[in-house]
Amino acid sequence: MWRRDVPDCIVSPDEVLVARSNTPELVGRASRFEGEPAGVVASDLTIRIRAKDELLPGFLSGYLSFLYVTGYWKERSGGASGSMKKITREQIQTELIPVPPKATQQEVDARIKRDLIDARQLRLLIESRLATINALPAALLRRAFSGEL
């Protein structure tokens, strides 16, 4: 990449990023870039999408994530290698994206954000509890799991 090309490669807030080439399990994974950290550059294996006026970026990201989670892109990906699959920008462009009223899109986006916050908090709690368990002596754990305690 030439230095003069860097500004065009920096991801803007609210761009939706889709993994166009990856393992069969990860191809088509989508996410909205919220703007932090600044200066992020997308790889050439990423499709960058800017939502049009009638479509909110959070809703678009949520819909494309739904397609990913349900295996839609995995089933439609191509490529000669079984370990590296690809989808194309054209596949995404020809996909019919539902466009509900903005209020509905905002509600869906807010729900996704709340669920992500809940998931992050749960992950932190589980990590904390796992650290506590890992700090216990092995002999104590054996007794606890064998029912001796």
C-alpha atoms as a PDB file:
ATOM      1  CA  MET A   1       0.000   0.000   0.000  1.00  0.00           C
ATOM      2  CA  TRP A   2       1.235   3.438  -0.850  1.00  0.00           C
ATOM      3  CA  ARG A   3       1.159   6.117   1.854  1.00  0.00           C
ATOM      4  CA  ARG A   4      -1.213   8.210  -0.275  1.00  0.00           C
ATOM      5  CA  ASP A   5      -3.748   5.320  -0.233  1.00  0.00           C
ATOM      6  CA  VAL A   6      -3.927   5.040   3.558  1.00  0.00           C
ATOM      7  CA  PRO A   7      -6.712   7.642   4.087  1.00  0.00           C
ATOM      8  CA  ASP A   8      -8.987   5.692   1.719  1.00  0.00           C
ATOM      9  CA  CYS A   9      -8.382   2.488   3.682  1.00  0.00           C
ATOM     10  CA  ILE A  10      -9.200   3.852   7.141  1.00  0.00           C
ATOM     11  CA  VAL A  11     -12.533   2.510   8.362  1.00  0.00           C
ATOM     12  CA  SER A  12     -15.149   5.132   9.183  1.00  0.00           C
ATOM     13  CA  PRO A  13     -17.558   4.968  12.127  1.00  0.00           C
ATOM     14  CA  ASP A  14     -20.722   2.998  11.299  1.00  0.00           C
ATOM     15  CA  GLU A  15     -19.179   1.106   8.385  1.00  0.00           C
ATOM     16  CA  VAL A  16     -20.319  -2.505   8.323  1.00  0.00           C
ATOM     17  CA  LEU A  17     -17.445  -4.931   7.832  1.00  0.00           C
ATOM     18  CA  VAL A  18     -17.961  -8.401   6.373  1.00  0.00           C
ATOM     19  CA  ALA A  19     -15.314 -11.137   6.208  1.00  0.00           C
ATOM     20  CA  ARG A  20     -15.257 -11.939   2.484  1.00  0.00           C
ATOM     21  CA  SER A  21     -12.614 -14.653   2.745  1.00  0.00           C
ATOM     22  CA  ASN A  22     -12.026 -16.870   5.752  1.00  0.00           C
ATOM     23  CA  THR A  23     -12.507 -20.364   7.079  1.00  0.00           C
ATOM     24  CA  PRO A  24     -15.935 -21.887   6.352  1.00  0.00           C
ATOM     25  CA  GLU A  25     -16.923 -21.135   9.962  1.00  0.00           C
ATOM     26  CA  LEU A  26     -16.020 -17.432   9.749  1.00  0.00           C
ATOM     27  CA  VAL A  27     -16.756 -16.399   6.165  1.00  0.00           C
ATOM     28  CA  GLY A  28     -19.509 -13.783   6.095  1.00  0.00           C
ATOM     29  CA  ARG A  29     -19.088 -12.704   9.706  1.00  0.00           C
ATOM     30  CA  ALA A  30     -20.305  -9.124   9.996  1.00  0.00           C
ATOM     31  CA  SER A  31     -19.813  -6.291  12.448  1.00  0.00           C
ATOM     32  CA  ARG A  32     -20.387  -2.557  12.651  1.00  0.00           C
ATOM     33  CA  PHE A  33     -17.328  -0.441  13.385  1.00  0.00           C
ATOM     34  CA  GLU A  34     -18.270   2.024  16.093  1.00  0.00           C
ATOM     35  CA  GLY A  35     -15.275   4.294  15.512  1.00  0.00           C
ATOM     36  CA  GLU A  36     -12.807   3.232  18.188  1.00  0.00           C
ATOM     37  CA  PRO A  37      -9.925   2.911  18.004  1.00  0.00           C
ATOM     38  CA  ALA A  38      -9.393   5.595  15.392  1.00  0.00           C
ATOM     39  CA  GLY A  39      -7.243   4.838  12.365  1.00  0.00           C
ATOM     40  CA  VAL A  40      -8.302   1.219  11.881  1.00  0.00           C
ATOM     41  CA  VAL A  41      -7.526  -0.111   8.421  1.00  0.00           C
ATOM     42  CA  ALA A  42      -9.605  -2.922   6.915  1.00  0.00           C
ATOM     43  CA  SER A  43      -7.749  -5.829   5.357  1.00  0.00           C
ATOM     44  CA  ASP A  44      -8.232  -6.722   1.726  1.00  0.00           C
ATOM     45  CA  LEU A  45     -10.240  -9.741   2.959  1.00  0.00           C
ATOM     46  CA  THR A  46     -12.940  -7.425   4.297  1.00  0.00           C
ATOM     47  CA  ILE A  47     -15.920  -5.993   2.463  1.00  0.00           C
ATOM     48  CA  ARG A  48     -16.740  -2.483   3.691  1.00  0.00           C
ATOM     49  CA  ILE A  49     -20.365  -1.353   3.475  1.00  0.00           C
ATOM     50  CA  ARG A  50     -21.884   2.040   4.168  1.00  0.00           C
ATOM     51  CA  ALA A  51     -25.614   1.857   4.820  1.00  0.00           C
ATOM     52  CA  LYS A  52     -27.820   4.116   2.721  1.00  0.00           C
ATOM     53  CA  ASP A  53     -30.098   6.717   4.305  1.00  0.00           C
ATOM     54  CA  GLU A  54     -33.131   4.481   4.731  1.00  0.00           C
ATOM     55  CA  LEU A  55     -31.083   1.716   6.370  1.00  0.00           C
ATOM     56  CA  LEU A  56     -29.402   2.176   9.752  1.00  0.00           C
ATOM     57  CA  PRO A  57     -25.896   0.697  10.098  1.00  0.00           C
ATOM     58  CA  GLY A  58     -26.779  -1.142  13.315  1.00  0.00           C
ATOM     59  CA  PHE A  59     -29.780  -2.802  11.704  1.00  0.00           C
ATOM     60  CA  LEU A  60     -27.793  -3.740   8.582  1.00  0.00           C
ATOM     61  CA  SER A  61     -25.016  -5.200  10.716  1.00  0.00           C
ATOM     62  CA  GLY A  62     -27.566  -7.117  12.770  1.00  0.00           C
ATOM     63  CA  TYR A  63     -29.248  -8.528   9.669  1.00  0.00           C
ATOM     64  CA  LEU A  64     -25.953  -9.553   8.055  1.00  0.00           C
ATOM     65  CA  SER A  65     -24.894 -11.091  11.383  1.00  0.00           C
ATOM     66  CA  PHE A  66     -28.149 -13.055  11.405  1.00  0.00           C
ATOM     67  CA  LEU A  67     -27.299 -14.429   7.953  1.00  0.00           C
ATOM     68  CA  TYR A  68     -23.828 -15.373   9.197  1.00  0.00           C
ATOM     69  CA  VAL A  69     -25.080 -17.073  12.384  1.00  0.00           C
ATOM     70  CA  THR A  70     -27.653 -19.122  10.478  1.00  0.00           C
ATOM     71  CA  GLY A  71     -24.952 -20.442   8.097  1.00  0.00           C
ATOM     72  CA  TYR A  72     -26.322 -18.577   5.090  1.00  0.00           C
ATOM     73  CA  TRP A  73     -22.929 -17.361   3.855  1.00  0.00           C
ATOM     74  CA  LYS A  74     -21.173 -20.616   4.720  1.00  0.00           C
ATOM     75  CA  GLU A  75     -23.601 -22.451   2.420  1.00  0.00           C
ATOM     76  CA  ARG A  76     -23.156 -19.914  -0.387  1.00  0.00           C
ATOM     77  CA  SER A  77     -19.408 -19.386  -0.175  1.00  0.00           C
ATOM     78  CA  GLY A  78     -17.120 -20.621  -2.899  1.00  0.00           C
ATOM     79  CA  GLY A  79     -13.463 -21.259  -3.437  1.00  0.00           C
ATOM     80  CA  ALA A  80     -11.215 -24.101  -4.469  1.00  0.00           C
ATOM     81  CA  SER A  81      -9.917 -24.688  -0.956  1.00  0.00           C
ATOM     82  CA  GLY A  82     -12.053 -26.437   1.612  1.00  0.00           C
ATOM     83  CA  SER A  83     -10.328 -24.509   4.377  1.00  0.00           C
ATOM     84  CA  MET A  84     -10.654 -21.017   2.853  1.00  0.00           C
ATOM     85  CA  LYS A  85     -14.033 -19.898   1.531  1.00  0.00           C
ATOM     86  CA  LYS A  86     -15.066 -16.674  -0.151  1.00  0.00           C
ATOM     87  CA  ILE A  87     -18.152 -14.564  -0.690  1.00  0.00           C
ATOM     88  CA  THR A  88     -18.286 -11.610  -3.031  1.00  0.00           C
ATOM     89  CA  ARG A  89     -19.445  -8.028  -2.828  1.00  0.00           C
ATOM     90  CA  GLU A  90     -21.918  -8.894  -5.597  1.00  0.00           C
ATOM     91  CA  GLN A  91     -23.487 -11.609  -3.424  1.00  0.00           C
ATOM     92  CA  ILE A  92     -24.099  -9.050  -0.684  1.00  0.00           C
ATOM     93  CA  GLN A  93     -25.286  -6.371  -3.124  1.00  0.00           C
ATOM     94  CA  THR A  94     -27.893  -8.696  -4.633  1.00  0.00           C
ATOM     95  CA  GLU A  95     -29.142  -9.834  -1.220  1.00  0.00           C
ATOM     96  CA  LEU A  96     -32.596  -8.467  -0.476  1.00  0.00           C
ATOM     97  CA  ILE A  97     -32.279  -6.637   2.835  1.00  0.00           C
ATOM     98  CA  PRO A  98     -35.556  -5.978   4.659  1.00  0.00           C
ATOM     99  CA  VAL A  99     -35.992  -2.285   5.410  1.00  0.00           C
ATOM    100  CA  PRO A 100     -38.534  -1.796   8.183  1.00  0.00           C
ATOM    101  CA  PRO A 101     -39.443   1.697   9.428  1.00  0.00           C
ATOM    102  CA  LYS A 102     -36.579   3.547  11.103  1.00  0.00           C
ATOM    103  CA  ALA A 103     -38.261   3.244  14.510  1.00  0.00           C
ATOM    104  CA  THR A 104     -38.229  -0.556  14.182  1.00  0.00           C
ATOM    105  CA  GLN A 105     -34.604  -0.522  13.037  1.00  0.00           C
ATOM    106  CA  GLN A 106     -33.677   1.641  16.032  1.00  0.00           C
ATOM    107  CA  GLU A 107     -35.490  -0.737  18.380  1.00  0.00           C
ATOM    108  CA  VAL A 108     -33.674  -3.758  16.925  1.00  0.00           C
ATOM    109  CA  ASP A 109     -30.325  -1.951  17.125  1.00  0.00           C
ATOM    110  CA  ALA A 110     -30.975  -0.920  20.754  1.00  0.00           C
ATOM    111  CA  ARG A 111     -31.930  -4.492  21.652  1.00  0.00           C
ATOM    112  CA  ILE A 112     -28.734  -5.828  20.050  1.00  0.00           C
ATOM    113  CA  LYS A 113     -26.650  -3.252  21.951  1.00  0.00           C
ATOM    114  CA  ARG A 114     -28.335  -4.221  25.262  1.00  0.00           C
ATOM    115  CA  ASP A 115     -27.768  -7.914  24.565  1.00  0.00           C
ATOM    116  CA  LEU A 116     -24.098  -7.264  23.776  1.00  0.00           C
ATOM    117  CA  ILE A 117     -23.666  -5.342  27.032  1.00  0.00           C
ATOM    118  CA  ASP A 118     -25.329  -8.212  28.935  1.00  0.00           C
ATOM    119  CA  ALA A 119     -23.103 -10.747  27.151  1.00  0.00           C
ATOM    120  CA  ARG A 120     -19.943  -8.766  27.984  1.00  0.00           C
ATOM    121  CA  GLN A 121     -20.969  -8.508  31.648  1.00  0.00           C
ATOM    122  CA  LEU A 122     -21.705 -12.232  31.766  1.00  0.00           C
ATOM    123  CA  ARG A 123     -18.338 -13.003  30.158  1.00  0.00           C
ATOM    124  CA  LEU A 124     -16.561 -10.883  32.776  1.00  0.00           C
ATOM    125  CA  LEU A 125     -18.429 -12.645  35.578  1.00  0.00           C
ATOM    126  CA  ILE A 126     -17.584 -16.074  34.176  1.00  0.00           C
ATOM    127  CA  GLU A 127     -13.927 -15.114  33.694  1.00  0.00           C
ATOM    128  CA  SER A 128     -13.795 -13.874  37.289  1.00  0.00           C
ATOM    129  CA  ARG A 129     -15.303 -17.085  38.627  1.00  0.00           C
ATOM    130  CA  LEU A 130     -12.976 -19.181  36.474  1.00  0.00           C
ATOM    131  CA  ALA A 131      -9.987 -17.280  37.852  1.00  0.00           C
ATOM    132  CA  THR A 132     -11.242 -18.002  41.386  1.00  0.00           C
ATOM    133  CA  ILE A 133     -11.617 -21.694  40.573  1.00  0.00           C
ATOM    134  CA  ASN A 134      -8.183 -21.845  38.945  1.00  0.00           C
ATOM    135  CA  ALA A 135      -6.678 -20.302  42.072  1.00  0.00           C
ATOM    136  CA  LEU A 136      -7.991 -23.156  44.243  1.00  0.00           C
ATOM    137  CA  PRO A 137      -5.554 -25.945  45.053  1.00  0.00           C
ATOM    138  CA  ALA A 138      -5.995 -29.051  42.871  1.00  0.00           C
ATOM    139  CA  ALA A 139      -6.558 -31.298  45.903  1.00  0.00           C
ATOM    140  CA  LEU A 140      -9.457 -29.129  47.072  1.00  0.00           C
ATOM    141  CA  LEU A 141     -11.022 -29.255  43.609  1.00  0.00           C
ATOM    142  CA  ARG A 142     -10.731 -33.069  43.507  1.00  0.00           C
ATOM    143  CA  ARG A 143     -12.515 -33.296  46.863  1.00  0.00           C
ATOM    144  CA  ALA A 144     -15.227 -30.860  45.759  1.00  0.00           C
ATOM    145  CA  PHE A 145     -15.972 -32.664  42.495  1.00  0.00           C
ATOM    146  CA  SER A 146     -15.895 -36.106  44.104  1.00  0.00           C
ATOM    147  CA  GLY A 147     -18.530 -35.010  46.628  1.00  0.00           C
ATOM    148  CA  GLU A 148     -16.249 -35.143  49.689  1.00  0.00           C
ATOM    149  CA  LEU A 149     -16.933 -31.539  50.646  1.00  0.00           C
END
